[in-house]
Amino acid sequence: PVTGYVSPEEADRLADQLEGLLVQAGLTDLTDVHVEADGVVVTIDTDGLVFASGSWELLPEGGAVVVNLGEPFARITNDIVVQGHTDDVPMSGGRSNWELSANRAGAVLHRLLDGGIHADRLSMAGYADTRPVASNATDEGRARNRRVDIVVLLDGEDPDSPVVTAIEPIGDPRAEHGPEGETAAGGAAETH
């Protein structure tokens, strides 16, 4: 299993591991795992079995997807962002797709927290219908756009590695004003 910090070079290994877990759990019809430039993405299809239409309460099948991802996510140290997305059909009852997408992301994030993922590694965002993966002109396209993406970010630094930073010396402060308050040009230094 993939453990510790997942580097961009190890992204495919993590994606394969996550896909294998979802296959074993029989959840591949609800999910897609792929690698993008910013991370390993687990896309959860939110239609019907994960969330009821217009709801942000995880159904049992949706909870099972997140629970199955909890163990491998707990073994790695990368930050994880949960992103909620909707189609472009307006909600009824005075609520917006912004609320729906953010609250669905929040429901998944809370399930990850319940599964032992540290809060300092998690963040969430609701994008409503602003990042479609398919056309909203068809039922199939709208269904694909109703999703939650769990992204294991690959652009951060390994939190367990020692940080070595080369710092350029800023110079001797006396060089500008001299040892007795004189400037390098020989005049008196201005004080405030």
C-alpha atoms as a PDB file:
ATOM      1  CA  PRO A   1       0.000   0.000   0.000  1.00  0.00           C
ATOM      2  CA  VAL A   2       0.990   3.591  -0.625  1.00  0.00           C
ATOM      3  CA  THR A   3       1.955   5.345   2.623  1.00  0.00           C
ATOM      4  CA  GLY A   4       3.402   8.688   3.702  1.00  0.00           C
ATOM      5  CA  TYR A   5       3.635  11.580   1.295  1.00  0.00           C
ATOM      6  CA  VAL A   6       2.522  10.744  -2.251  1.00  0.00           C
ATOM      7  CA  SER A   7       4.737  12.474  -4.784  1.00  0.00           C
ATOM      8  CA  PRO A   8       3.609  13.190  -8.341  1.00  0.00           C
ATOM      9  CA  GLU A   9       5.720  10.213  -9.425  1.00  0.00           C
ATOM     10  CA  GLU A  10       3.647   7.921  -7.178  1.00  0.00           C
ATOM     11  CA  ALA A  11       0.250   9.267  -8.249  1.00  0.00           C
ATOM     12  CA  ASP A  12      -0.510   6.379 -10.601  1.00  0.00           C
ATOM     13  CA  ARG A  13       0.258   3.843  -7.849  1.00  0.00           C
ATOM     14  CA  LEU A  14      -2.155   5.566  -5.471  1.00  0.00           C
ATOM     15  CA  ALA A  15      -4.835   5.770  -8.182  1.00  0.00           C
ATOM     16  CA  ASP A  16      -4.452   2.029  -8.890  1.00  0.00           C
ATOM     17  CA  GLN A  17      -4.683   1.225  -5.178  1.00  0.00           C
ATOM     18  CA  LEU A  18      -7.844   3.315  -4.729  1.00  0.00           C
ATOM     19  CA  GLU A  19      -9.424   1.807  -7.842  1.00  0.00           C
ATOM     20  CA  GLY A  20      -8.650  -1.708  -6.548  1.00  0.00           C
ATOM     21  CA  LEU A  21     -10.321  -0.991  -3.209  1.00  0.00           C
ATOM     22  CA  LEU A  22     -13.417   0.342  -4.937  1.00  0.00           C
ATOM     23  CA  VAL A  23     -13.546  -2.701  -7.252  1.00  0.00           C
ATOM     24  CA  GLN A  24     -13.329  -5.058  -4.237  1.00  0.00           C
ATOM     25  CA  ALA A  25     -16.140  -3.149  -2.544  1.00  0.00           C
ATOM     26  CA  GLY A  26     -18.293  -3.297  -5.692  1.00  0.00           C
ATOM     27  CA  LEU A  27     -18.450   0.501  -5.924  1.00  0.00           C
ATOM     28  CA  THR A  28     -16.957   1.155  -9.356  1.00  0.00           C
ATOM     29  CA  ASP A  29     -20.339   2.017 -10.850  1.00  0.00           C
ATOM     30  CA  LEU A  30     -20.450   5.059  -8.530  1.00  0.00           C
ATOM     31  CA  THR A  31     -16.837   6.177  -8.840  1.00  0.00           C
ATOM     32  CA  ASP A  32     -14.019   7.039 -11.194  1.00  0.00           C
ATOM     33  CA  VAL A  33     -10.362   7.359 -10.186  1.00  0.00           C
ATOM     34  CA  HIS A  34      -7.947   9.310 -12.346  1.00  0.00           C
ATOM     35  CA  VAL A  35      -4.815  11.437 -12.141  1.00  0.00           C
ATOM     36  CA  GLU A  36      -4.879  15.121 -13.051  1.00  0.00           C
ATOM     37  CA  ALA A  37      -2.129  17.725 -12.909  1.00  0.00           C
ATOM     38  CA  ASP A  38      -2.982  18.797  -9.349  1.00  0.00           C
ATOM     39  CA  GLY A  39      -3.704  15.409  -7.847  1.00  0.00           C
ATOM     40  CA  VAL A  40      -5.310  12.002  -7.734  1.00  0.00           C
ATOM     41  CA  VAL A  41      -9.059  12.497  -8.150  1.00  0.00           C
ATOM     42  CA  VAL A  42     -11.785  10.159  -6.939  1.00  0.00           C
ATOM     43  CA  THR A  43     -15.026  11.254  -8.589  1.00  0.00           C
ATOM     44  CA  ILE A  44     -18.182  10.096  -6.837  1.00  0.00           C
ATOM     45  CA  ASP A  45     -21.334  10.111  -8.953  1.00  0.00           C
ATOM     46  CA  THR A  46     -23.918  11.711  -6.673  1.00  0.00           C
ATOM     47  CA  ASP A  47     -26.985  10.643  -8.651  1.00  0.00           C
ATOM     48  CA  GLY A  48     -29.489   8.604  -6.676  1.00  0.00           C
ATOM     49  CA  LEU A  49     -27.399   6.192  -4.590  1.00  0.00           C
ATOM     50  CA  VAL A  50     -25.006   8.628  -2.905  1.00  0.00           C
ATOM     51  CA  PHE A  51     -27.362  11.565  -2.298  1.00  0.00           C
ATOM     52  CA  ALA A  52     -31.091  11.868  -2.933  1.00  0.00           C
ATOM     53  CA  SER A  53     -32.031  14.515  -5.488  1.00  0.00           C
ATOM     54  CA  GLY A  54     -31.610  17.984  -4.005  1.00  0.00           C
ATOM     55  CA  SER A  55     -30.267  16.580  -0.715  1.00  0.00           C
ATOM     56  CA  TRP A  56     -26.875  16.718   0.948  1.00  0.00           C
ATOM     57  CA  GLU A  57     -27.427  13.842   3.359  1.00  0.00           C
ATOM     58  CA  LEU A  58     -25.252  10.874   2.438  1.00  0.00           C
ATOM     59  CA  LEU A  59     -27.251   7.756   1.694  1.00  0.00           C
ATOM     60  CA  PRO A  60     -25.848   4.406   2.946  1.00  0.00           C
ATOM     61  CA  GLU A  61     -24.264   3.606  -0.447  1.00  0.00           C
ATOM     62  CA  GLY A  62     -22.574   7.006  -0.500  1.00  0.00           C
ATOM     63  CA  GLY A  63     -21.277   6.509   3.009  1.00  0.00           C
ATOM     64  CA  ALA A  64     -19.843   3.139   1.932  1.00  0.00           C
ATOM     65  CA  VAL A  65     -17.842   4.807  -0.845  1.00  0.00           C
ATOM     66  CA  VAL A  66     -16.299   7.313   1.570  1.00  0.00           C
ATOM     67  CA  VAL A  67     -15.653   4.690   4.269  1.00  0.00           C
ATOM     68  CA  ASN A  68     -13.749   2.544   1.745  1.00  0.00           C
ATOM     69  CA  LEU A  69     -11.521   5.506   0.888  1.00  0.00           C
ATOM     70  CA  GLY A  70     -10.816   6.392   4.517  1.00  0.00           C
ATOM     71  CA  GLU A  71      -8.144   3.770   5.185  1.00  0.00           C
ATOM     72  CA  PRO A  72      -5.857   4.593   2.237  1.00  0.00           C
ATOM     73  CA  PHE A  73      -6.364   8.321   2.835  1.00  0.00           C
ATOM     74  CA  ALA A  74      -5.364   7.860   6.481  1.00  0.00           C
ATOM     75  CA  ARG A  75      -2.065   6.219   5.426  1.00  0.00           C
ATOM     76  CA  ILE A  76      -0.925   9.169   3.332  1.00  0.00           C
ATOM     77  CA  THR A  77       0.016  12.671   4.478  1.00  0.00           C
ATOM     78  CA  ASN A  78      -1.037  14.763   1.481  1.00  0.00           C
ATOM     79  CA  ASP A  79      -3.700  17.418   1.829  1.00  0.00           C
ATOM     80  CA  ILE A  80      -7.138  16.463   0.499  1.00  0.00           C
ATOM     81  CA  VAL A  81      -9.764  18.804  -0.906  1.00  0.00           C
ATOM     82  CA  VAL A  82     -13.396  17.721  -1.316  1.00  0.00           C
ATOM     83  CA  GLN A  83     -15.147  19.502  -4.186  1.00  0.00           C
ATOM     84  CA  GLY A  84     -18.913  19.529  -4.717  1.00  0.00           C
ATOM     85  CA  HIS A  85     -20.414  20.050  -8.191  1.00  0.00           C
ATOM     86  CA  THR A  86     -23.954  20.263  -9.589  1.00  0.00           C
ATOM     87  CA  ASP A  87     -25.688  20.518 -12.936  1.00  0.00           C
ATOM     88  CA  ASP A  88     -27.209  23.806 -14.088  1.00  0.00           C
ATOM     89  CA  VAL A  89     -30.825  23.020 -13.180  1.00  0.00           C
ATOM     90  CA  PRO A  90     -31.956  25.501 -10.502  1.00  0.00           C
ATOM     91  CA  MET A  91     -33.026  24.066  -7.170  1.00  0.00           C
ATOM     92  CA  SER A  92     -36.498  24.619  -5.797  1.00  0.00           C
ATOM     93  CA  GLY A  93     -37.382  25.888  -2.356  1.00  0.00           C
ATOM     94  CA  GLY A  94     -35.157  28.961  -2.366  1.00  0.00           C
ATOM     95  CA  ARG A  95     -31.872  27.048  -2.150  1.00  0.00           C
ATOM     96  CA  SER A  96     -29.123  27.346  -4.715  1.00  0.00           C
ATOM     97  CA  ASN A  97     -26.750  24.928  -6.417  1.00  0.00           C
ATOM     98  CA  TRP A  98     -23.983  26.740  -4.536  1.00  0.00           C
ATOM     99  CA  GLU A  99     -25.461  25.574  -1.235  1.00  0.00           C
ATOM    100  CA  LEU A 100     -26.073  22.073  -2.556  1.00  0.00           C
ATOM    101  CA  SER A 101     -22.542  21.630  -3.877  1.00  0.00           C
ATOM    102  CA  ALA A 102     -20.897  23.039  -0.740  1.00  0.00           C
ATOM    103  CA  ASN A 103     -23.078  21.013   1.623  1.00  0.00           C
ATOM    104  CA  ARG A 104     -22.476  17.787  -0.309  1.00  0.00           C
ATOM    105  CA  ALA A 105     -18.733  18.435  -0.128  1.00  0.00           C
ATOM    106  CA  GLY A 106     -19.175  19.097   3.593  1.00  0.00           C
ATOM    107  CA  ALA A 107     -21.045  15.827   4.124  1.00  0.00           C
ATOM    108  CA  VAL A 108     -18.218  13.862   2.488  1.00  0.00           C
ATOM    109  CA  LEU A 109     -15.580  15.836   4.398  1.00  0.00           C
ATOM    110  CA  HIS A 110     -17.312  15.081   7.717  1.00  0.00           C
ATOM    111  CA  ARG A 111     -17.420  11.374   6.872  1.00  0.00           C
ATOM    112  CA  LEU A 112     -13.666  11.501   6.205  1.00  0.00           C
ATOM    113  CA  LEU A 113     -13.169  13.257   9.555  1.00  0.00           C
ATOM    114  CA  ASP A 114     -15.252  10.551  11.252  1.00  0.00           C
ATOM    115  CA  GLY A 115     -12.972   8.008   9.586  1.00  0.00           C
ATOM    116  CA  GLY A 116      -9.879   9.448  11.236  1.00  0.00           C
ATOM    117  CA  ILE A 117      -8.494  11.825   8.613  1.00  0.00           C
ATOM    118  CA  HIS A 118      -6.907  14.788  10.409  1.00  0.00           C
ATOM    119  CA  ALA A 119      -8.826  18.049  10.010  1.00  0.00           C
ATOM    120  CA  ASP A 120      -5.679  20.011   9.168  1.00  0.00           C
ATOM    121  CA  ARG A 121      -5.315  17.955   5.976  1.00  0.00           C
ATOM    122  CA  LEU A 122      -8.866  18.556   4.731  1.00  0.00           C
ATOM    123  CA  SER A 123     -10.569  21.414   2.933  1.00  0.00           C
ATOM    124  CA  MET A 124     -13.702  21.707   0.839  1.00  0.00           C
ATOM    125  CA  ALA A 125     -15.201  23.800  -1.918  1.00  0.00           C
ATOM    126  CA  GLY A 126     -18.595  24.059  -3.586  1.00  0.00           C
ATOM    127  CA  TYR A 127     -18.495  24.940  -7.277  1.00  0.00           C
ATOM    128  CA  ALA A 128     -22.203  24.643  -8.191  1.00  0.00           C
ATOM    129  CA  ASP A 129     -22.399  24.301 -11.996  1.00  0.00           C
ATOM    130  CA  THR A 130     -19.235  26.300 -12.795  1.00  0.00           C
ATOM    131  CA  ARG A 131     -16.956  23.326 -13.581  1.00  0.00           C
ATOM    132  CA  PRO A 132     -18.936  20.897 -15.736  1.00  0.00           C
ATOM    133  CA  VAL A 133     -17.307  17.768 -17.131  1.00  0.00           C
ATOM    134  CA  ALA A 134     -20.083  17.277 -19.687  1.00  0.00           C
ATOM    135  CA  SER A 135     -22.751  19.290 -21.464  1.00  0.00           C
ATOM    136  CA  ASN A 136     -25.767  20.249 -19.375  1.00  0.00           C
ATOM    137  CA  ALA A 137     -27.884  19.991 -22.543  1.00  0.00           C
ATOM    138  CA  THR A 138     -28.555  16.260 -22.009  1.00  0.00           C
ATOM    139  CA  ASP A 139     -29.747  14.132 -19.100  1.00  0.00           C
ATOM    140  CA  GLU A 140     -26.541  12.079 -19.294  1.00  0.00           C
ATOM    141  CA  GLY A 141     -24.363  15.187 -19.222  1.00  0.00           C
ATOM    142  CA  ARG A 142     -26.234  16.667 -16.270  1.00  0.00           C
ATOM    143  CA  ALA A 143     -25.882  13.355 -14.411  1.00  0.00           C
ATOM    144  CA  ARG A 144     -22.103  13.395 -14.963  1.00  0.00           C
ATOM    145  CA  ASN A 145     -21.906  16.965 -13.661  1.00  0.00           C
ATOM    146  CA  ARG A 146     -23.621  16.041 -10.376  1.00  0.00           C
ATOM    147  CA  ARG A 147     -20.592  14.741  -8.512  1.00  0.00           C
ATOM    148  CA  VAL A 148     -18.212  15.102  -5.592  1.00  0.00           C
ATOM    149  CA  ASP A 149     -14.489  15.017  -6.326  1.00  0.00           C
ATOM    150  CA  ILE A 150     -12.044  14.017  -3.602  1.00  0.00           C
ATOM    151  CA  VAL A 151      -8.638  15.315  -4.678  1.00  0.00           C
ATOM    152  CA  VAL A 152      -5.392  14.128  -3.096  1.00  0.00           C
ATOM    153  CA  LEU A 153      -3.198  17.147  -3.757  1.00  0.00           C
ATOM    154  CA  LEU A 154       0.268  16.533  -5.169  1.00  0.00           C
ATOM    155  CA  ASP A 155       1.567  20.098  -5.214  1.00  0.00           C
ATOM    156  CA  GLY A 156       2.383  20.501  -1.537  1.00  0.00           C
ATOM    157  CA  GLU A 157       5.512  19.664   0.346  1.00  0.00           C
ATOM    158  CA  ASP A 158       6.001  16.498   2.355  1.00  0.00           C
ATOM    159  CA  PRO A 159       5.125  17.660   5.883  1.00  0.00           C
ATOM    160  CA  ASP A 160       7.493  15.097   7.407  1.00  0.00           C
ATOM    161  CA  SER A 161      10.598  16.043   5.436  1.00  0.00           C
ATOM    162  CA  PRO A 162      13.090  18.515   6.844  1.00  0.00           C
ATOM    163  CA  VAL A 163      12.726  21.926   5.306  1.00  0.00           C
ATOM    164  CA  VAL A 164      15.955  23.312   3.924  1.00  0.00           C
ATOM    165  CA  THR A 165      15.758  26.848   2.647  1.00  0.00           C
ATOM    166  CA  ALA A 166      18.653  28.779   1.239  1.00  0.00           C
ATOM    167  CA  ILE A 167      18.487  32.273   2.648  1.00  0.00           C
ATOM    168  CA  GLU A 168      20.398  35.009   0.890  1.00  0.00           C
ATOM    169  CA  PRO A 169      22.165  37.187   3.459  1.00  0.00           C
ATOM    170  CA  ILE A 170      20.717  40.660   3.549  1.00  0.00           C
ATOM    171  CA  GLY A 171      24.060  42.177   4.384  1.00  0.00           C
ATOM    172  CA  ASP A 172      25.507  43.877   7.378  1.00  0.00           C
ATOM    173  CA  PRO A 173      23.159  46.658   8.503  1.00  0.00           C
ATOM    174  CA  ARG A 174      26.210  48.661   9.560  1.00  0.00           C
ATOM    175  CA  ALA A 175      27.426  48.749   5.958  1.00  0.00           C
ATOM    176  CA  GLU A 176      24.704  51.199   5.024  1.00  0.00           C
ATOM    177  CA  HIS A 177      24.923  53.438   8.106  1.00  0.00           C
ATOM    178  CA  GLY A 178      28.395  52.709   9.437  1.00  0.00           C
ATOM    179  CA  PRO A 179      29.314  51.926  13.024  1.00  0.00           C
ATOM    180  CA  GLU A 180      28.642  55.413  14.397  1.00  0.00           C
ATOM    181  CA  GLY A 181      25.367  56.225  12.618  1.00  0.00           C
ATOM    182  CA  GLU A 182      27.057  57.565   9.500  1.00  0.00           C
ATOM    183  CA  THR A 183      25.896  56.564   6.058  1.00  0.00           C
ATOM    184  CA  ALA A 184      28.231  54.838   3.640  1.00  0.00           C
ATOM    185  CA  ALA A 185      28.566  58.216   1.884  1.00  0.00           C
ATOM    186  CA  GLY A 186      29.919  59.789   5.074  1.00  0.00           C
ATOM    187  CA  GLY A 187      26.909  61.888   6.137  1.00  0.00           C
ATOM    188  CA  ALA A 188      24.810  61.487   9.256  1.00  0.00           C
ATOM    189  CA  ALA A 189      22.153  58.820   9.183  1.00  0.00           C
ATOM    190  CA  GLU A 190      18.594  60.124   9.380  1.00  0.00           C
ATOM    191  CA  THR A 191      16.707  58.931  12.416  1.00  0.00           C
ATOM    192  CA  HIS A 192      12.987  58.991  13.014  1.00  0.00           C
END
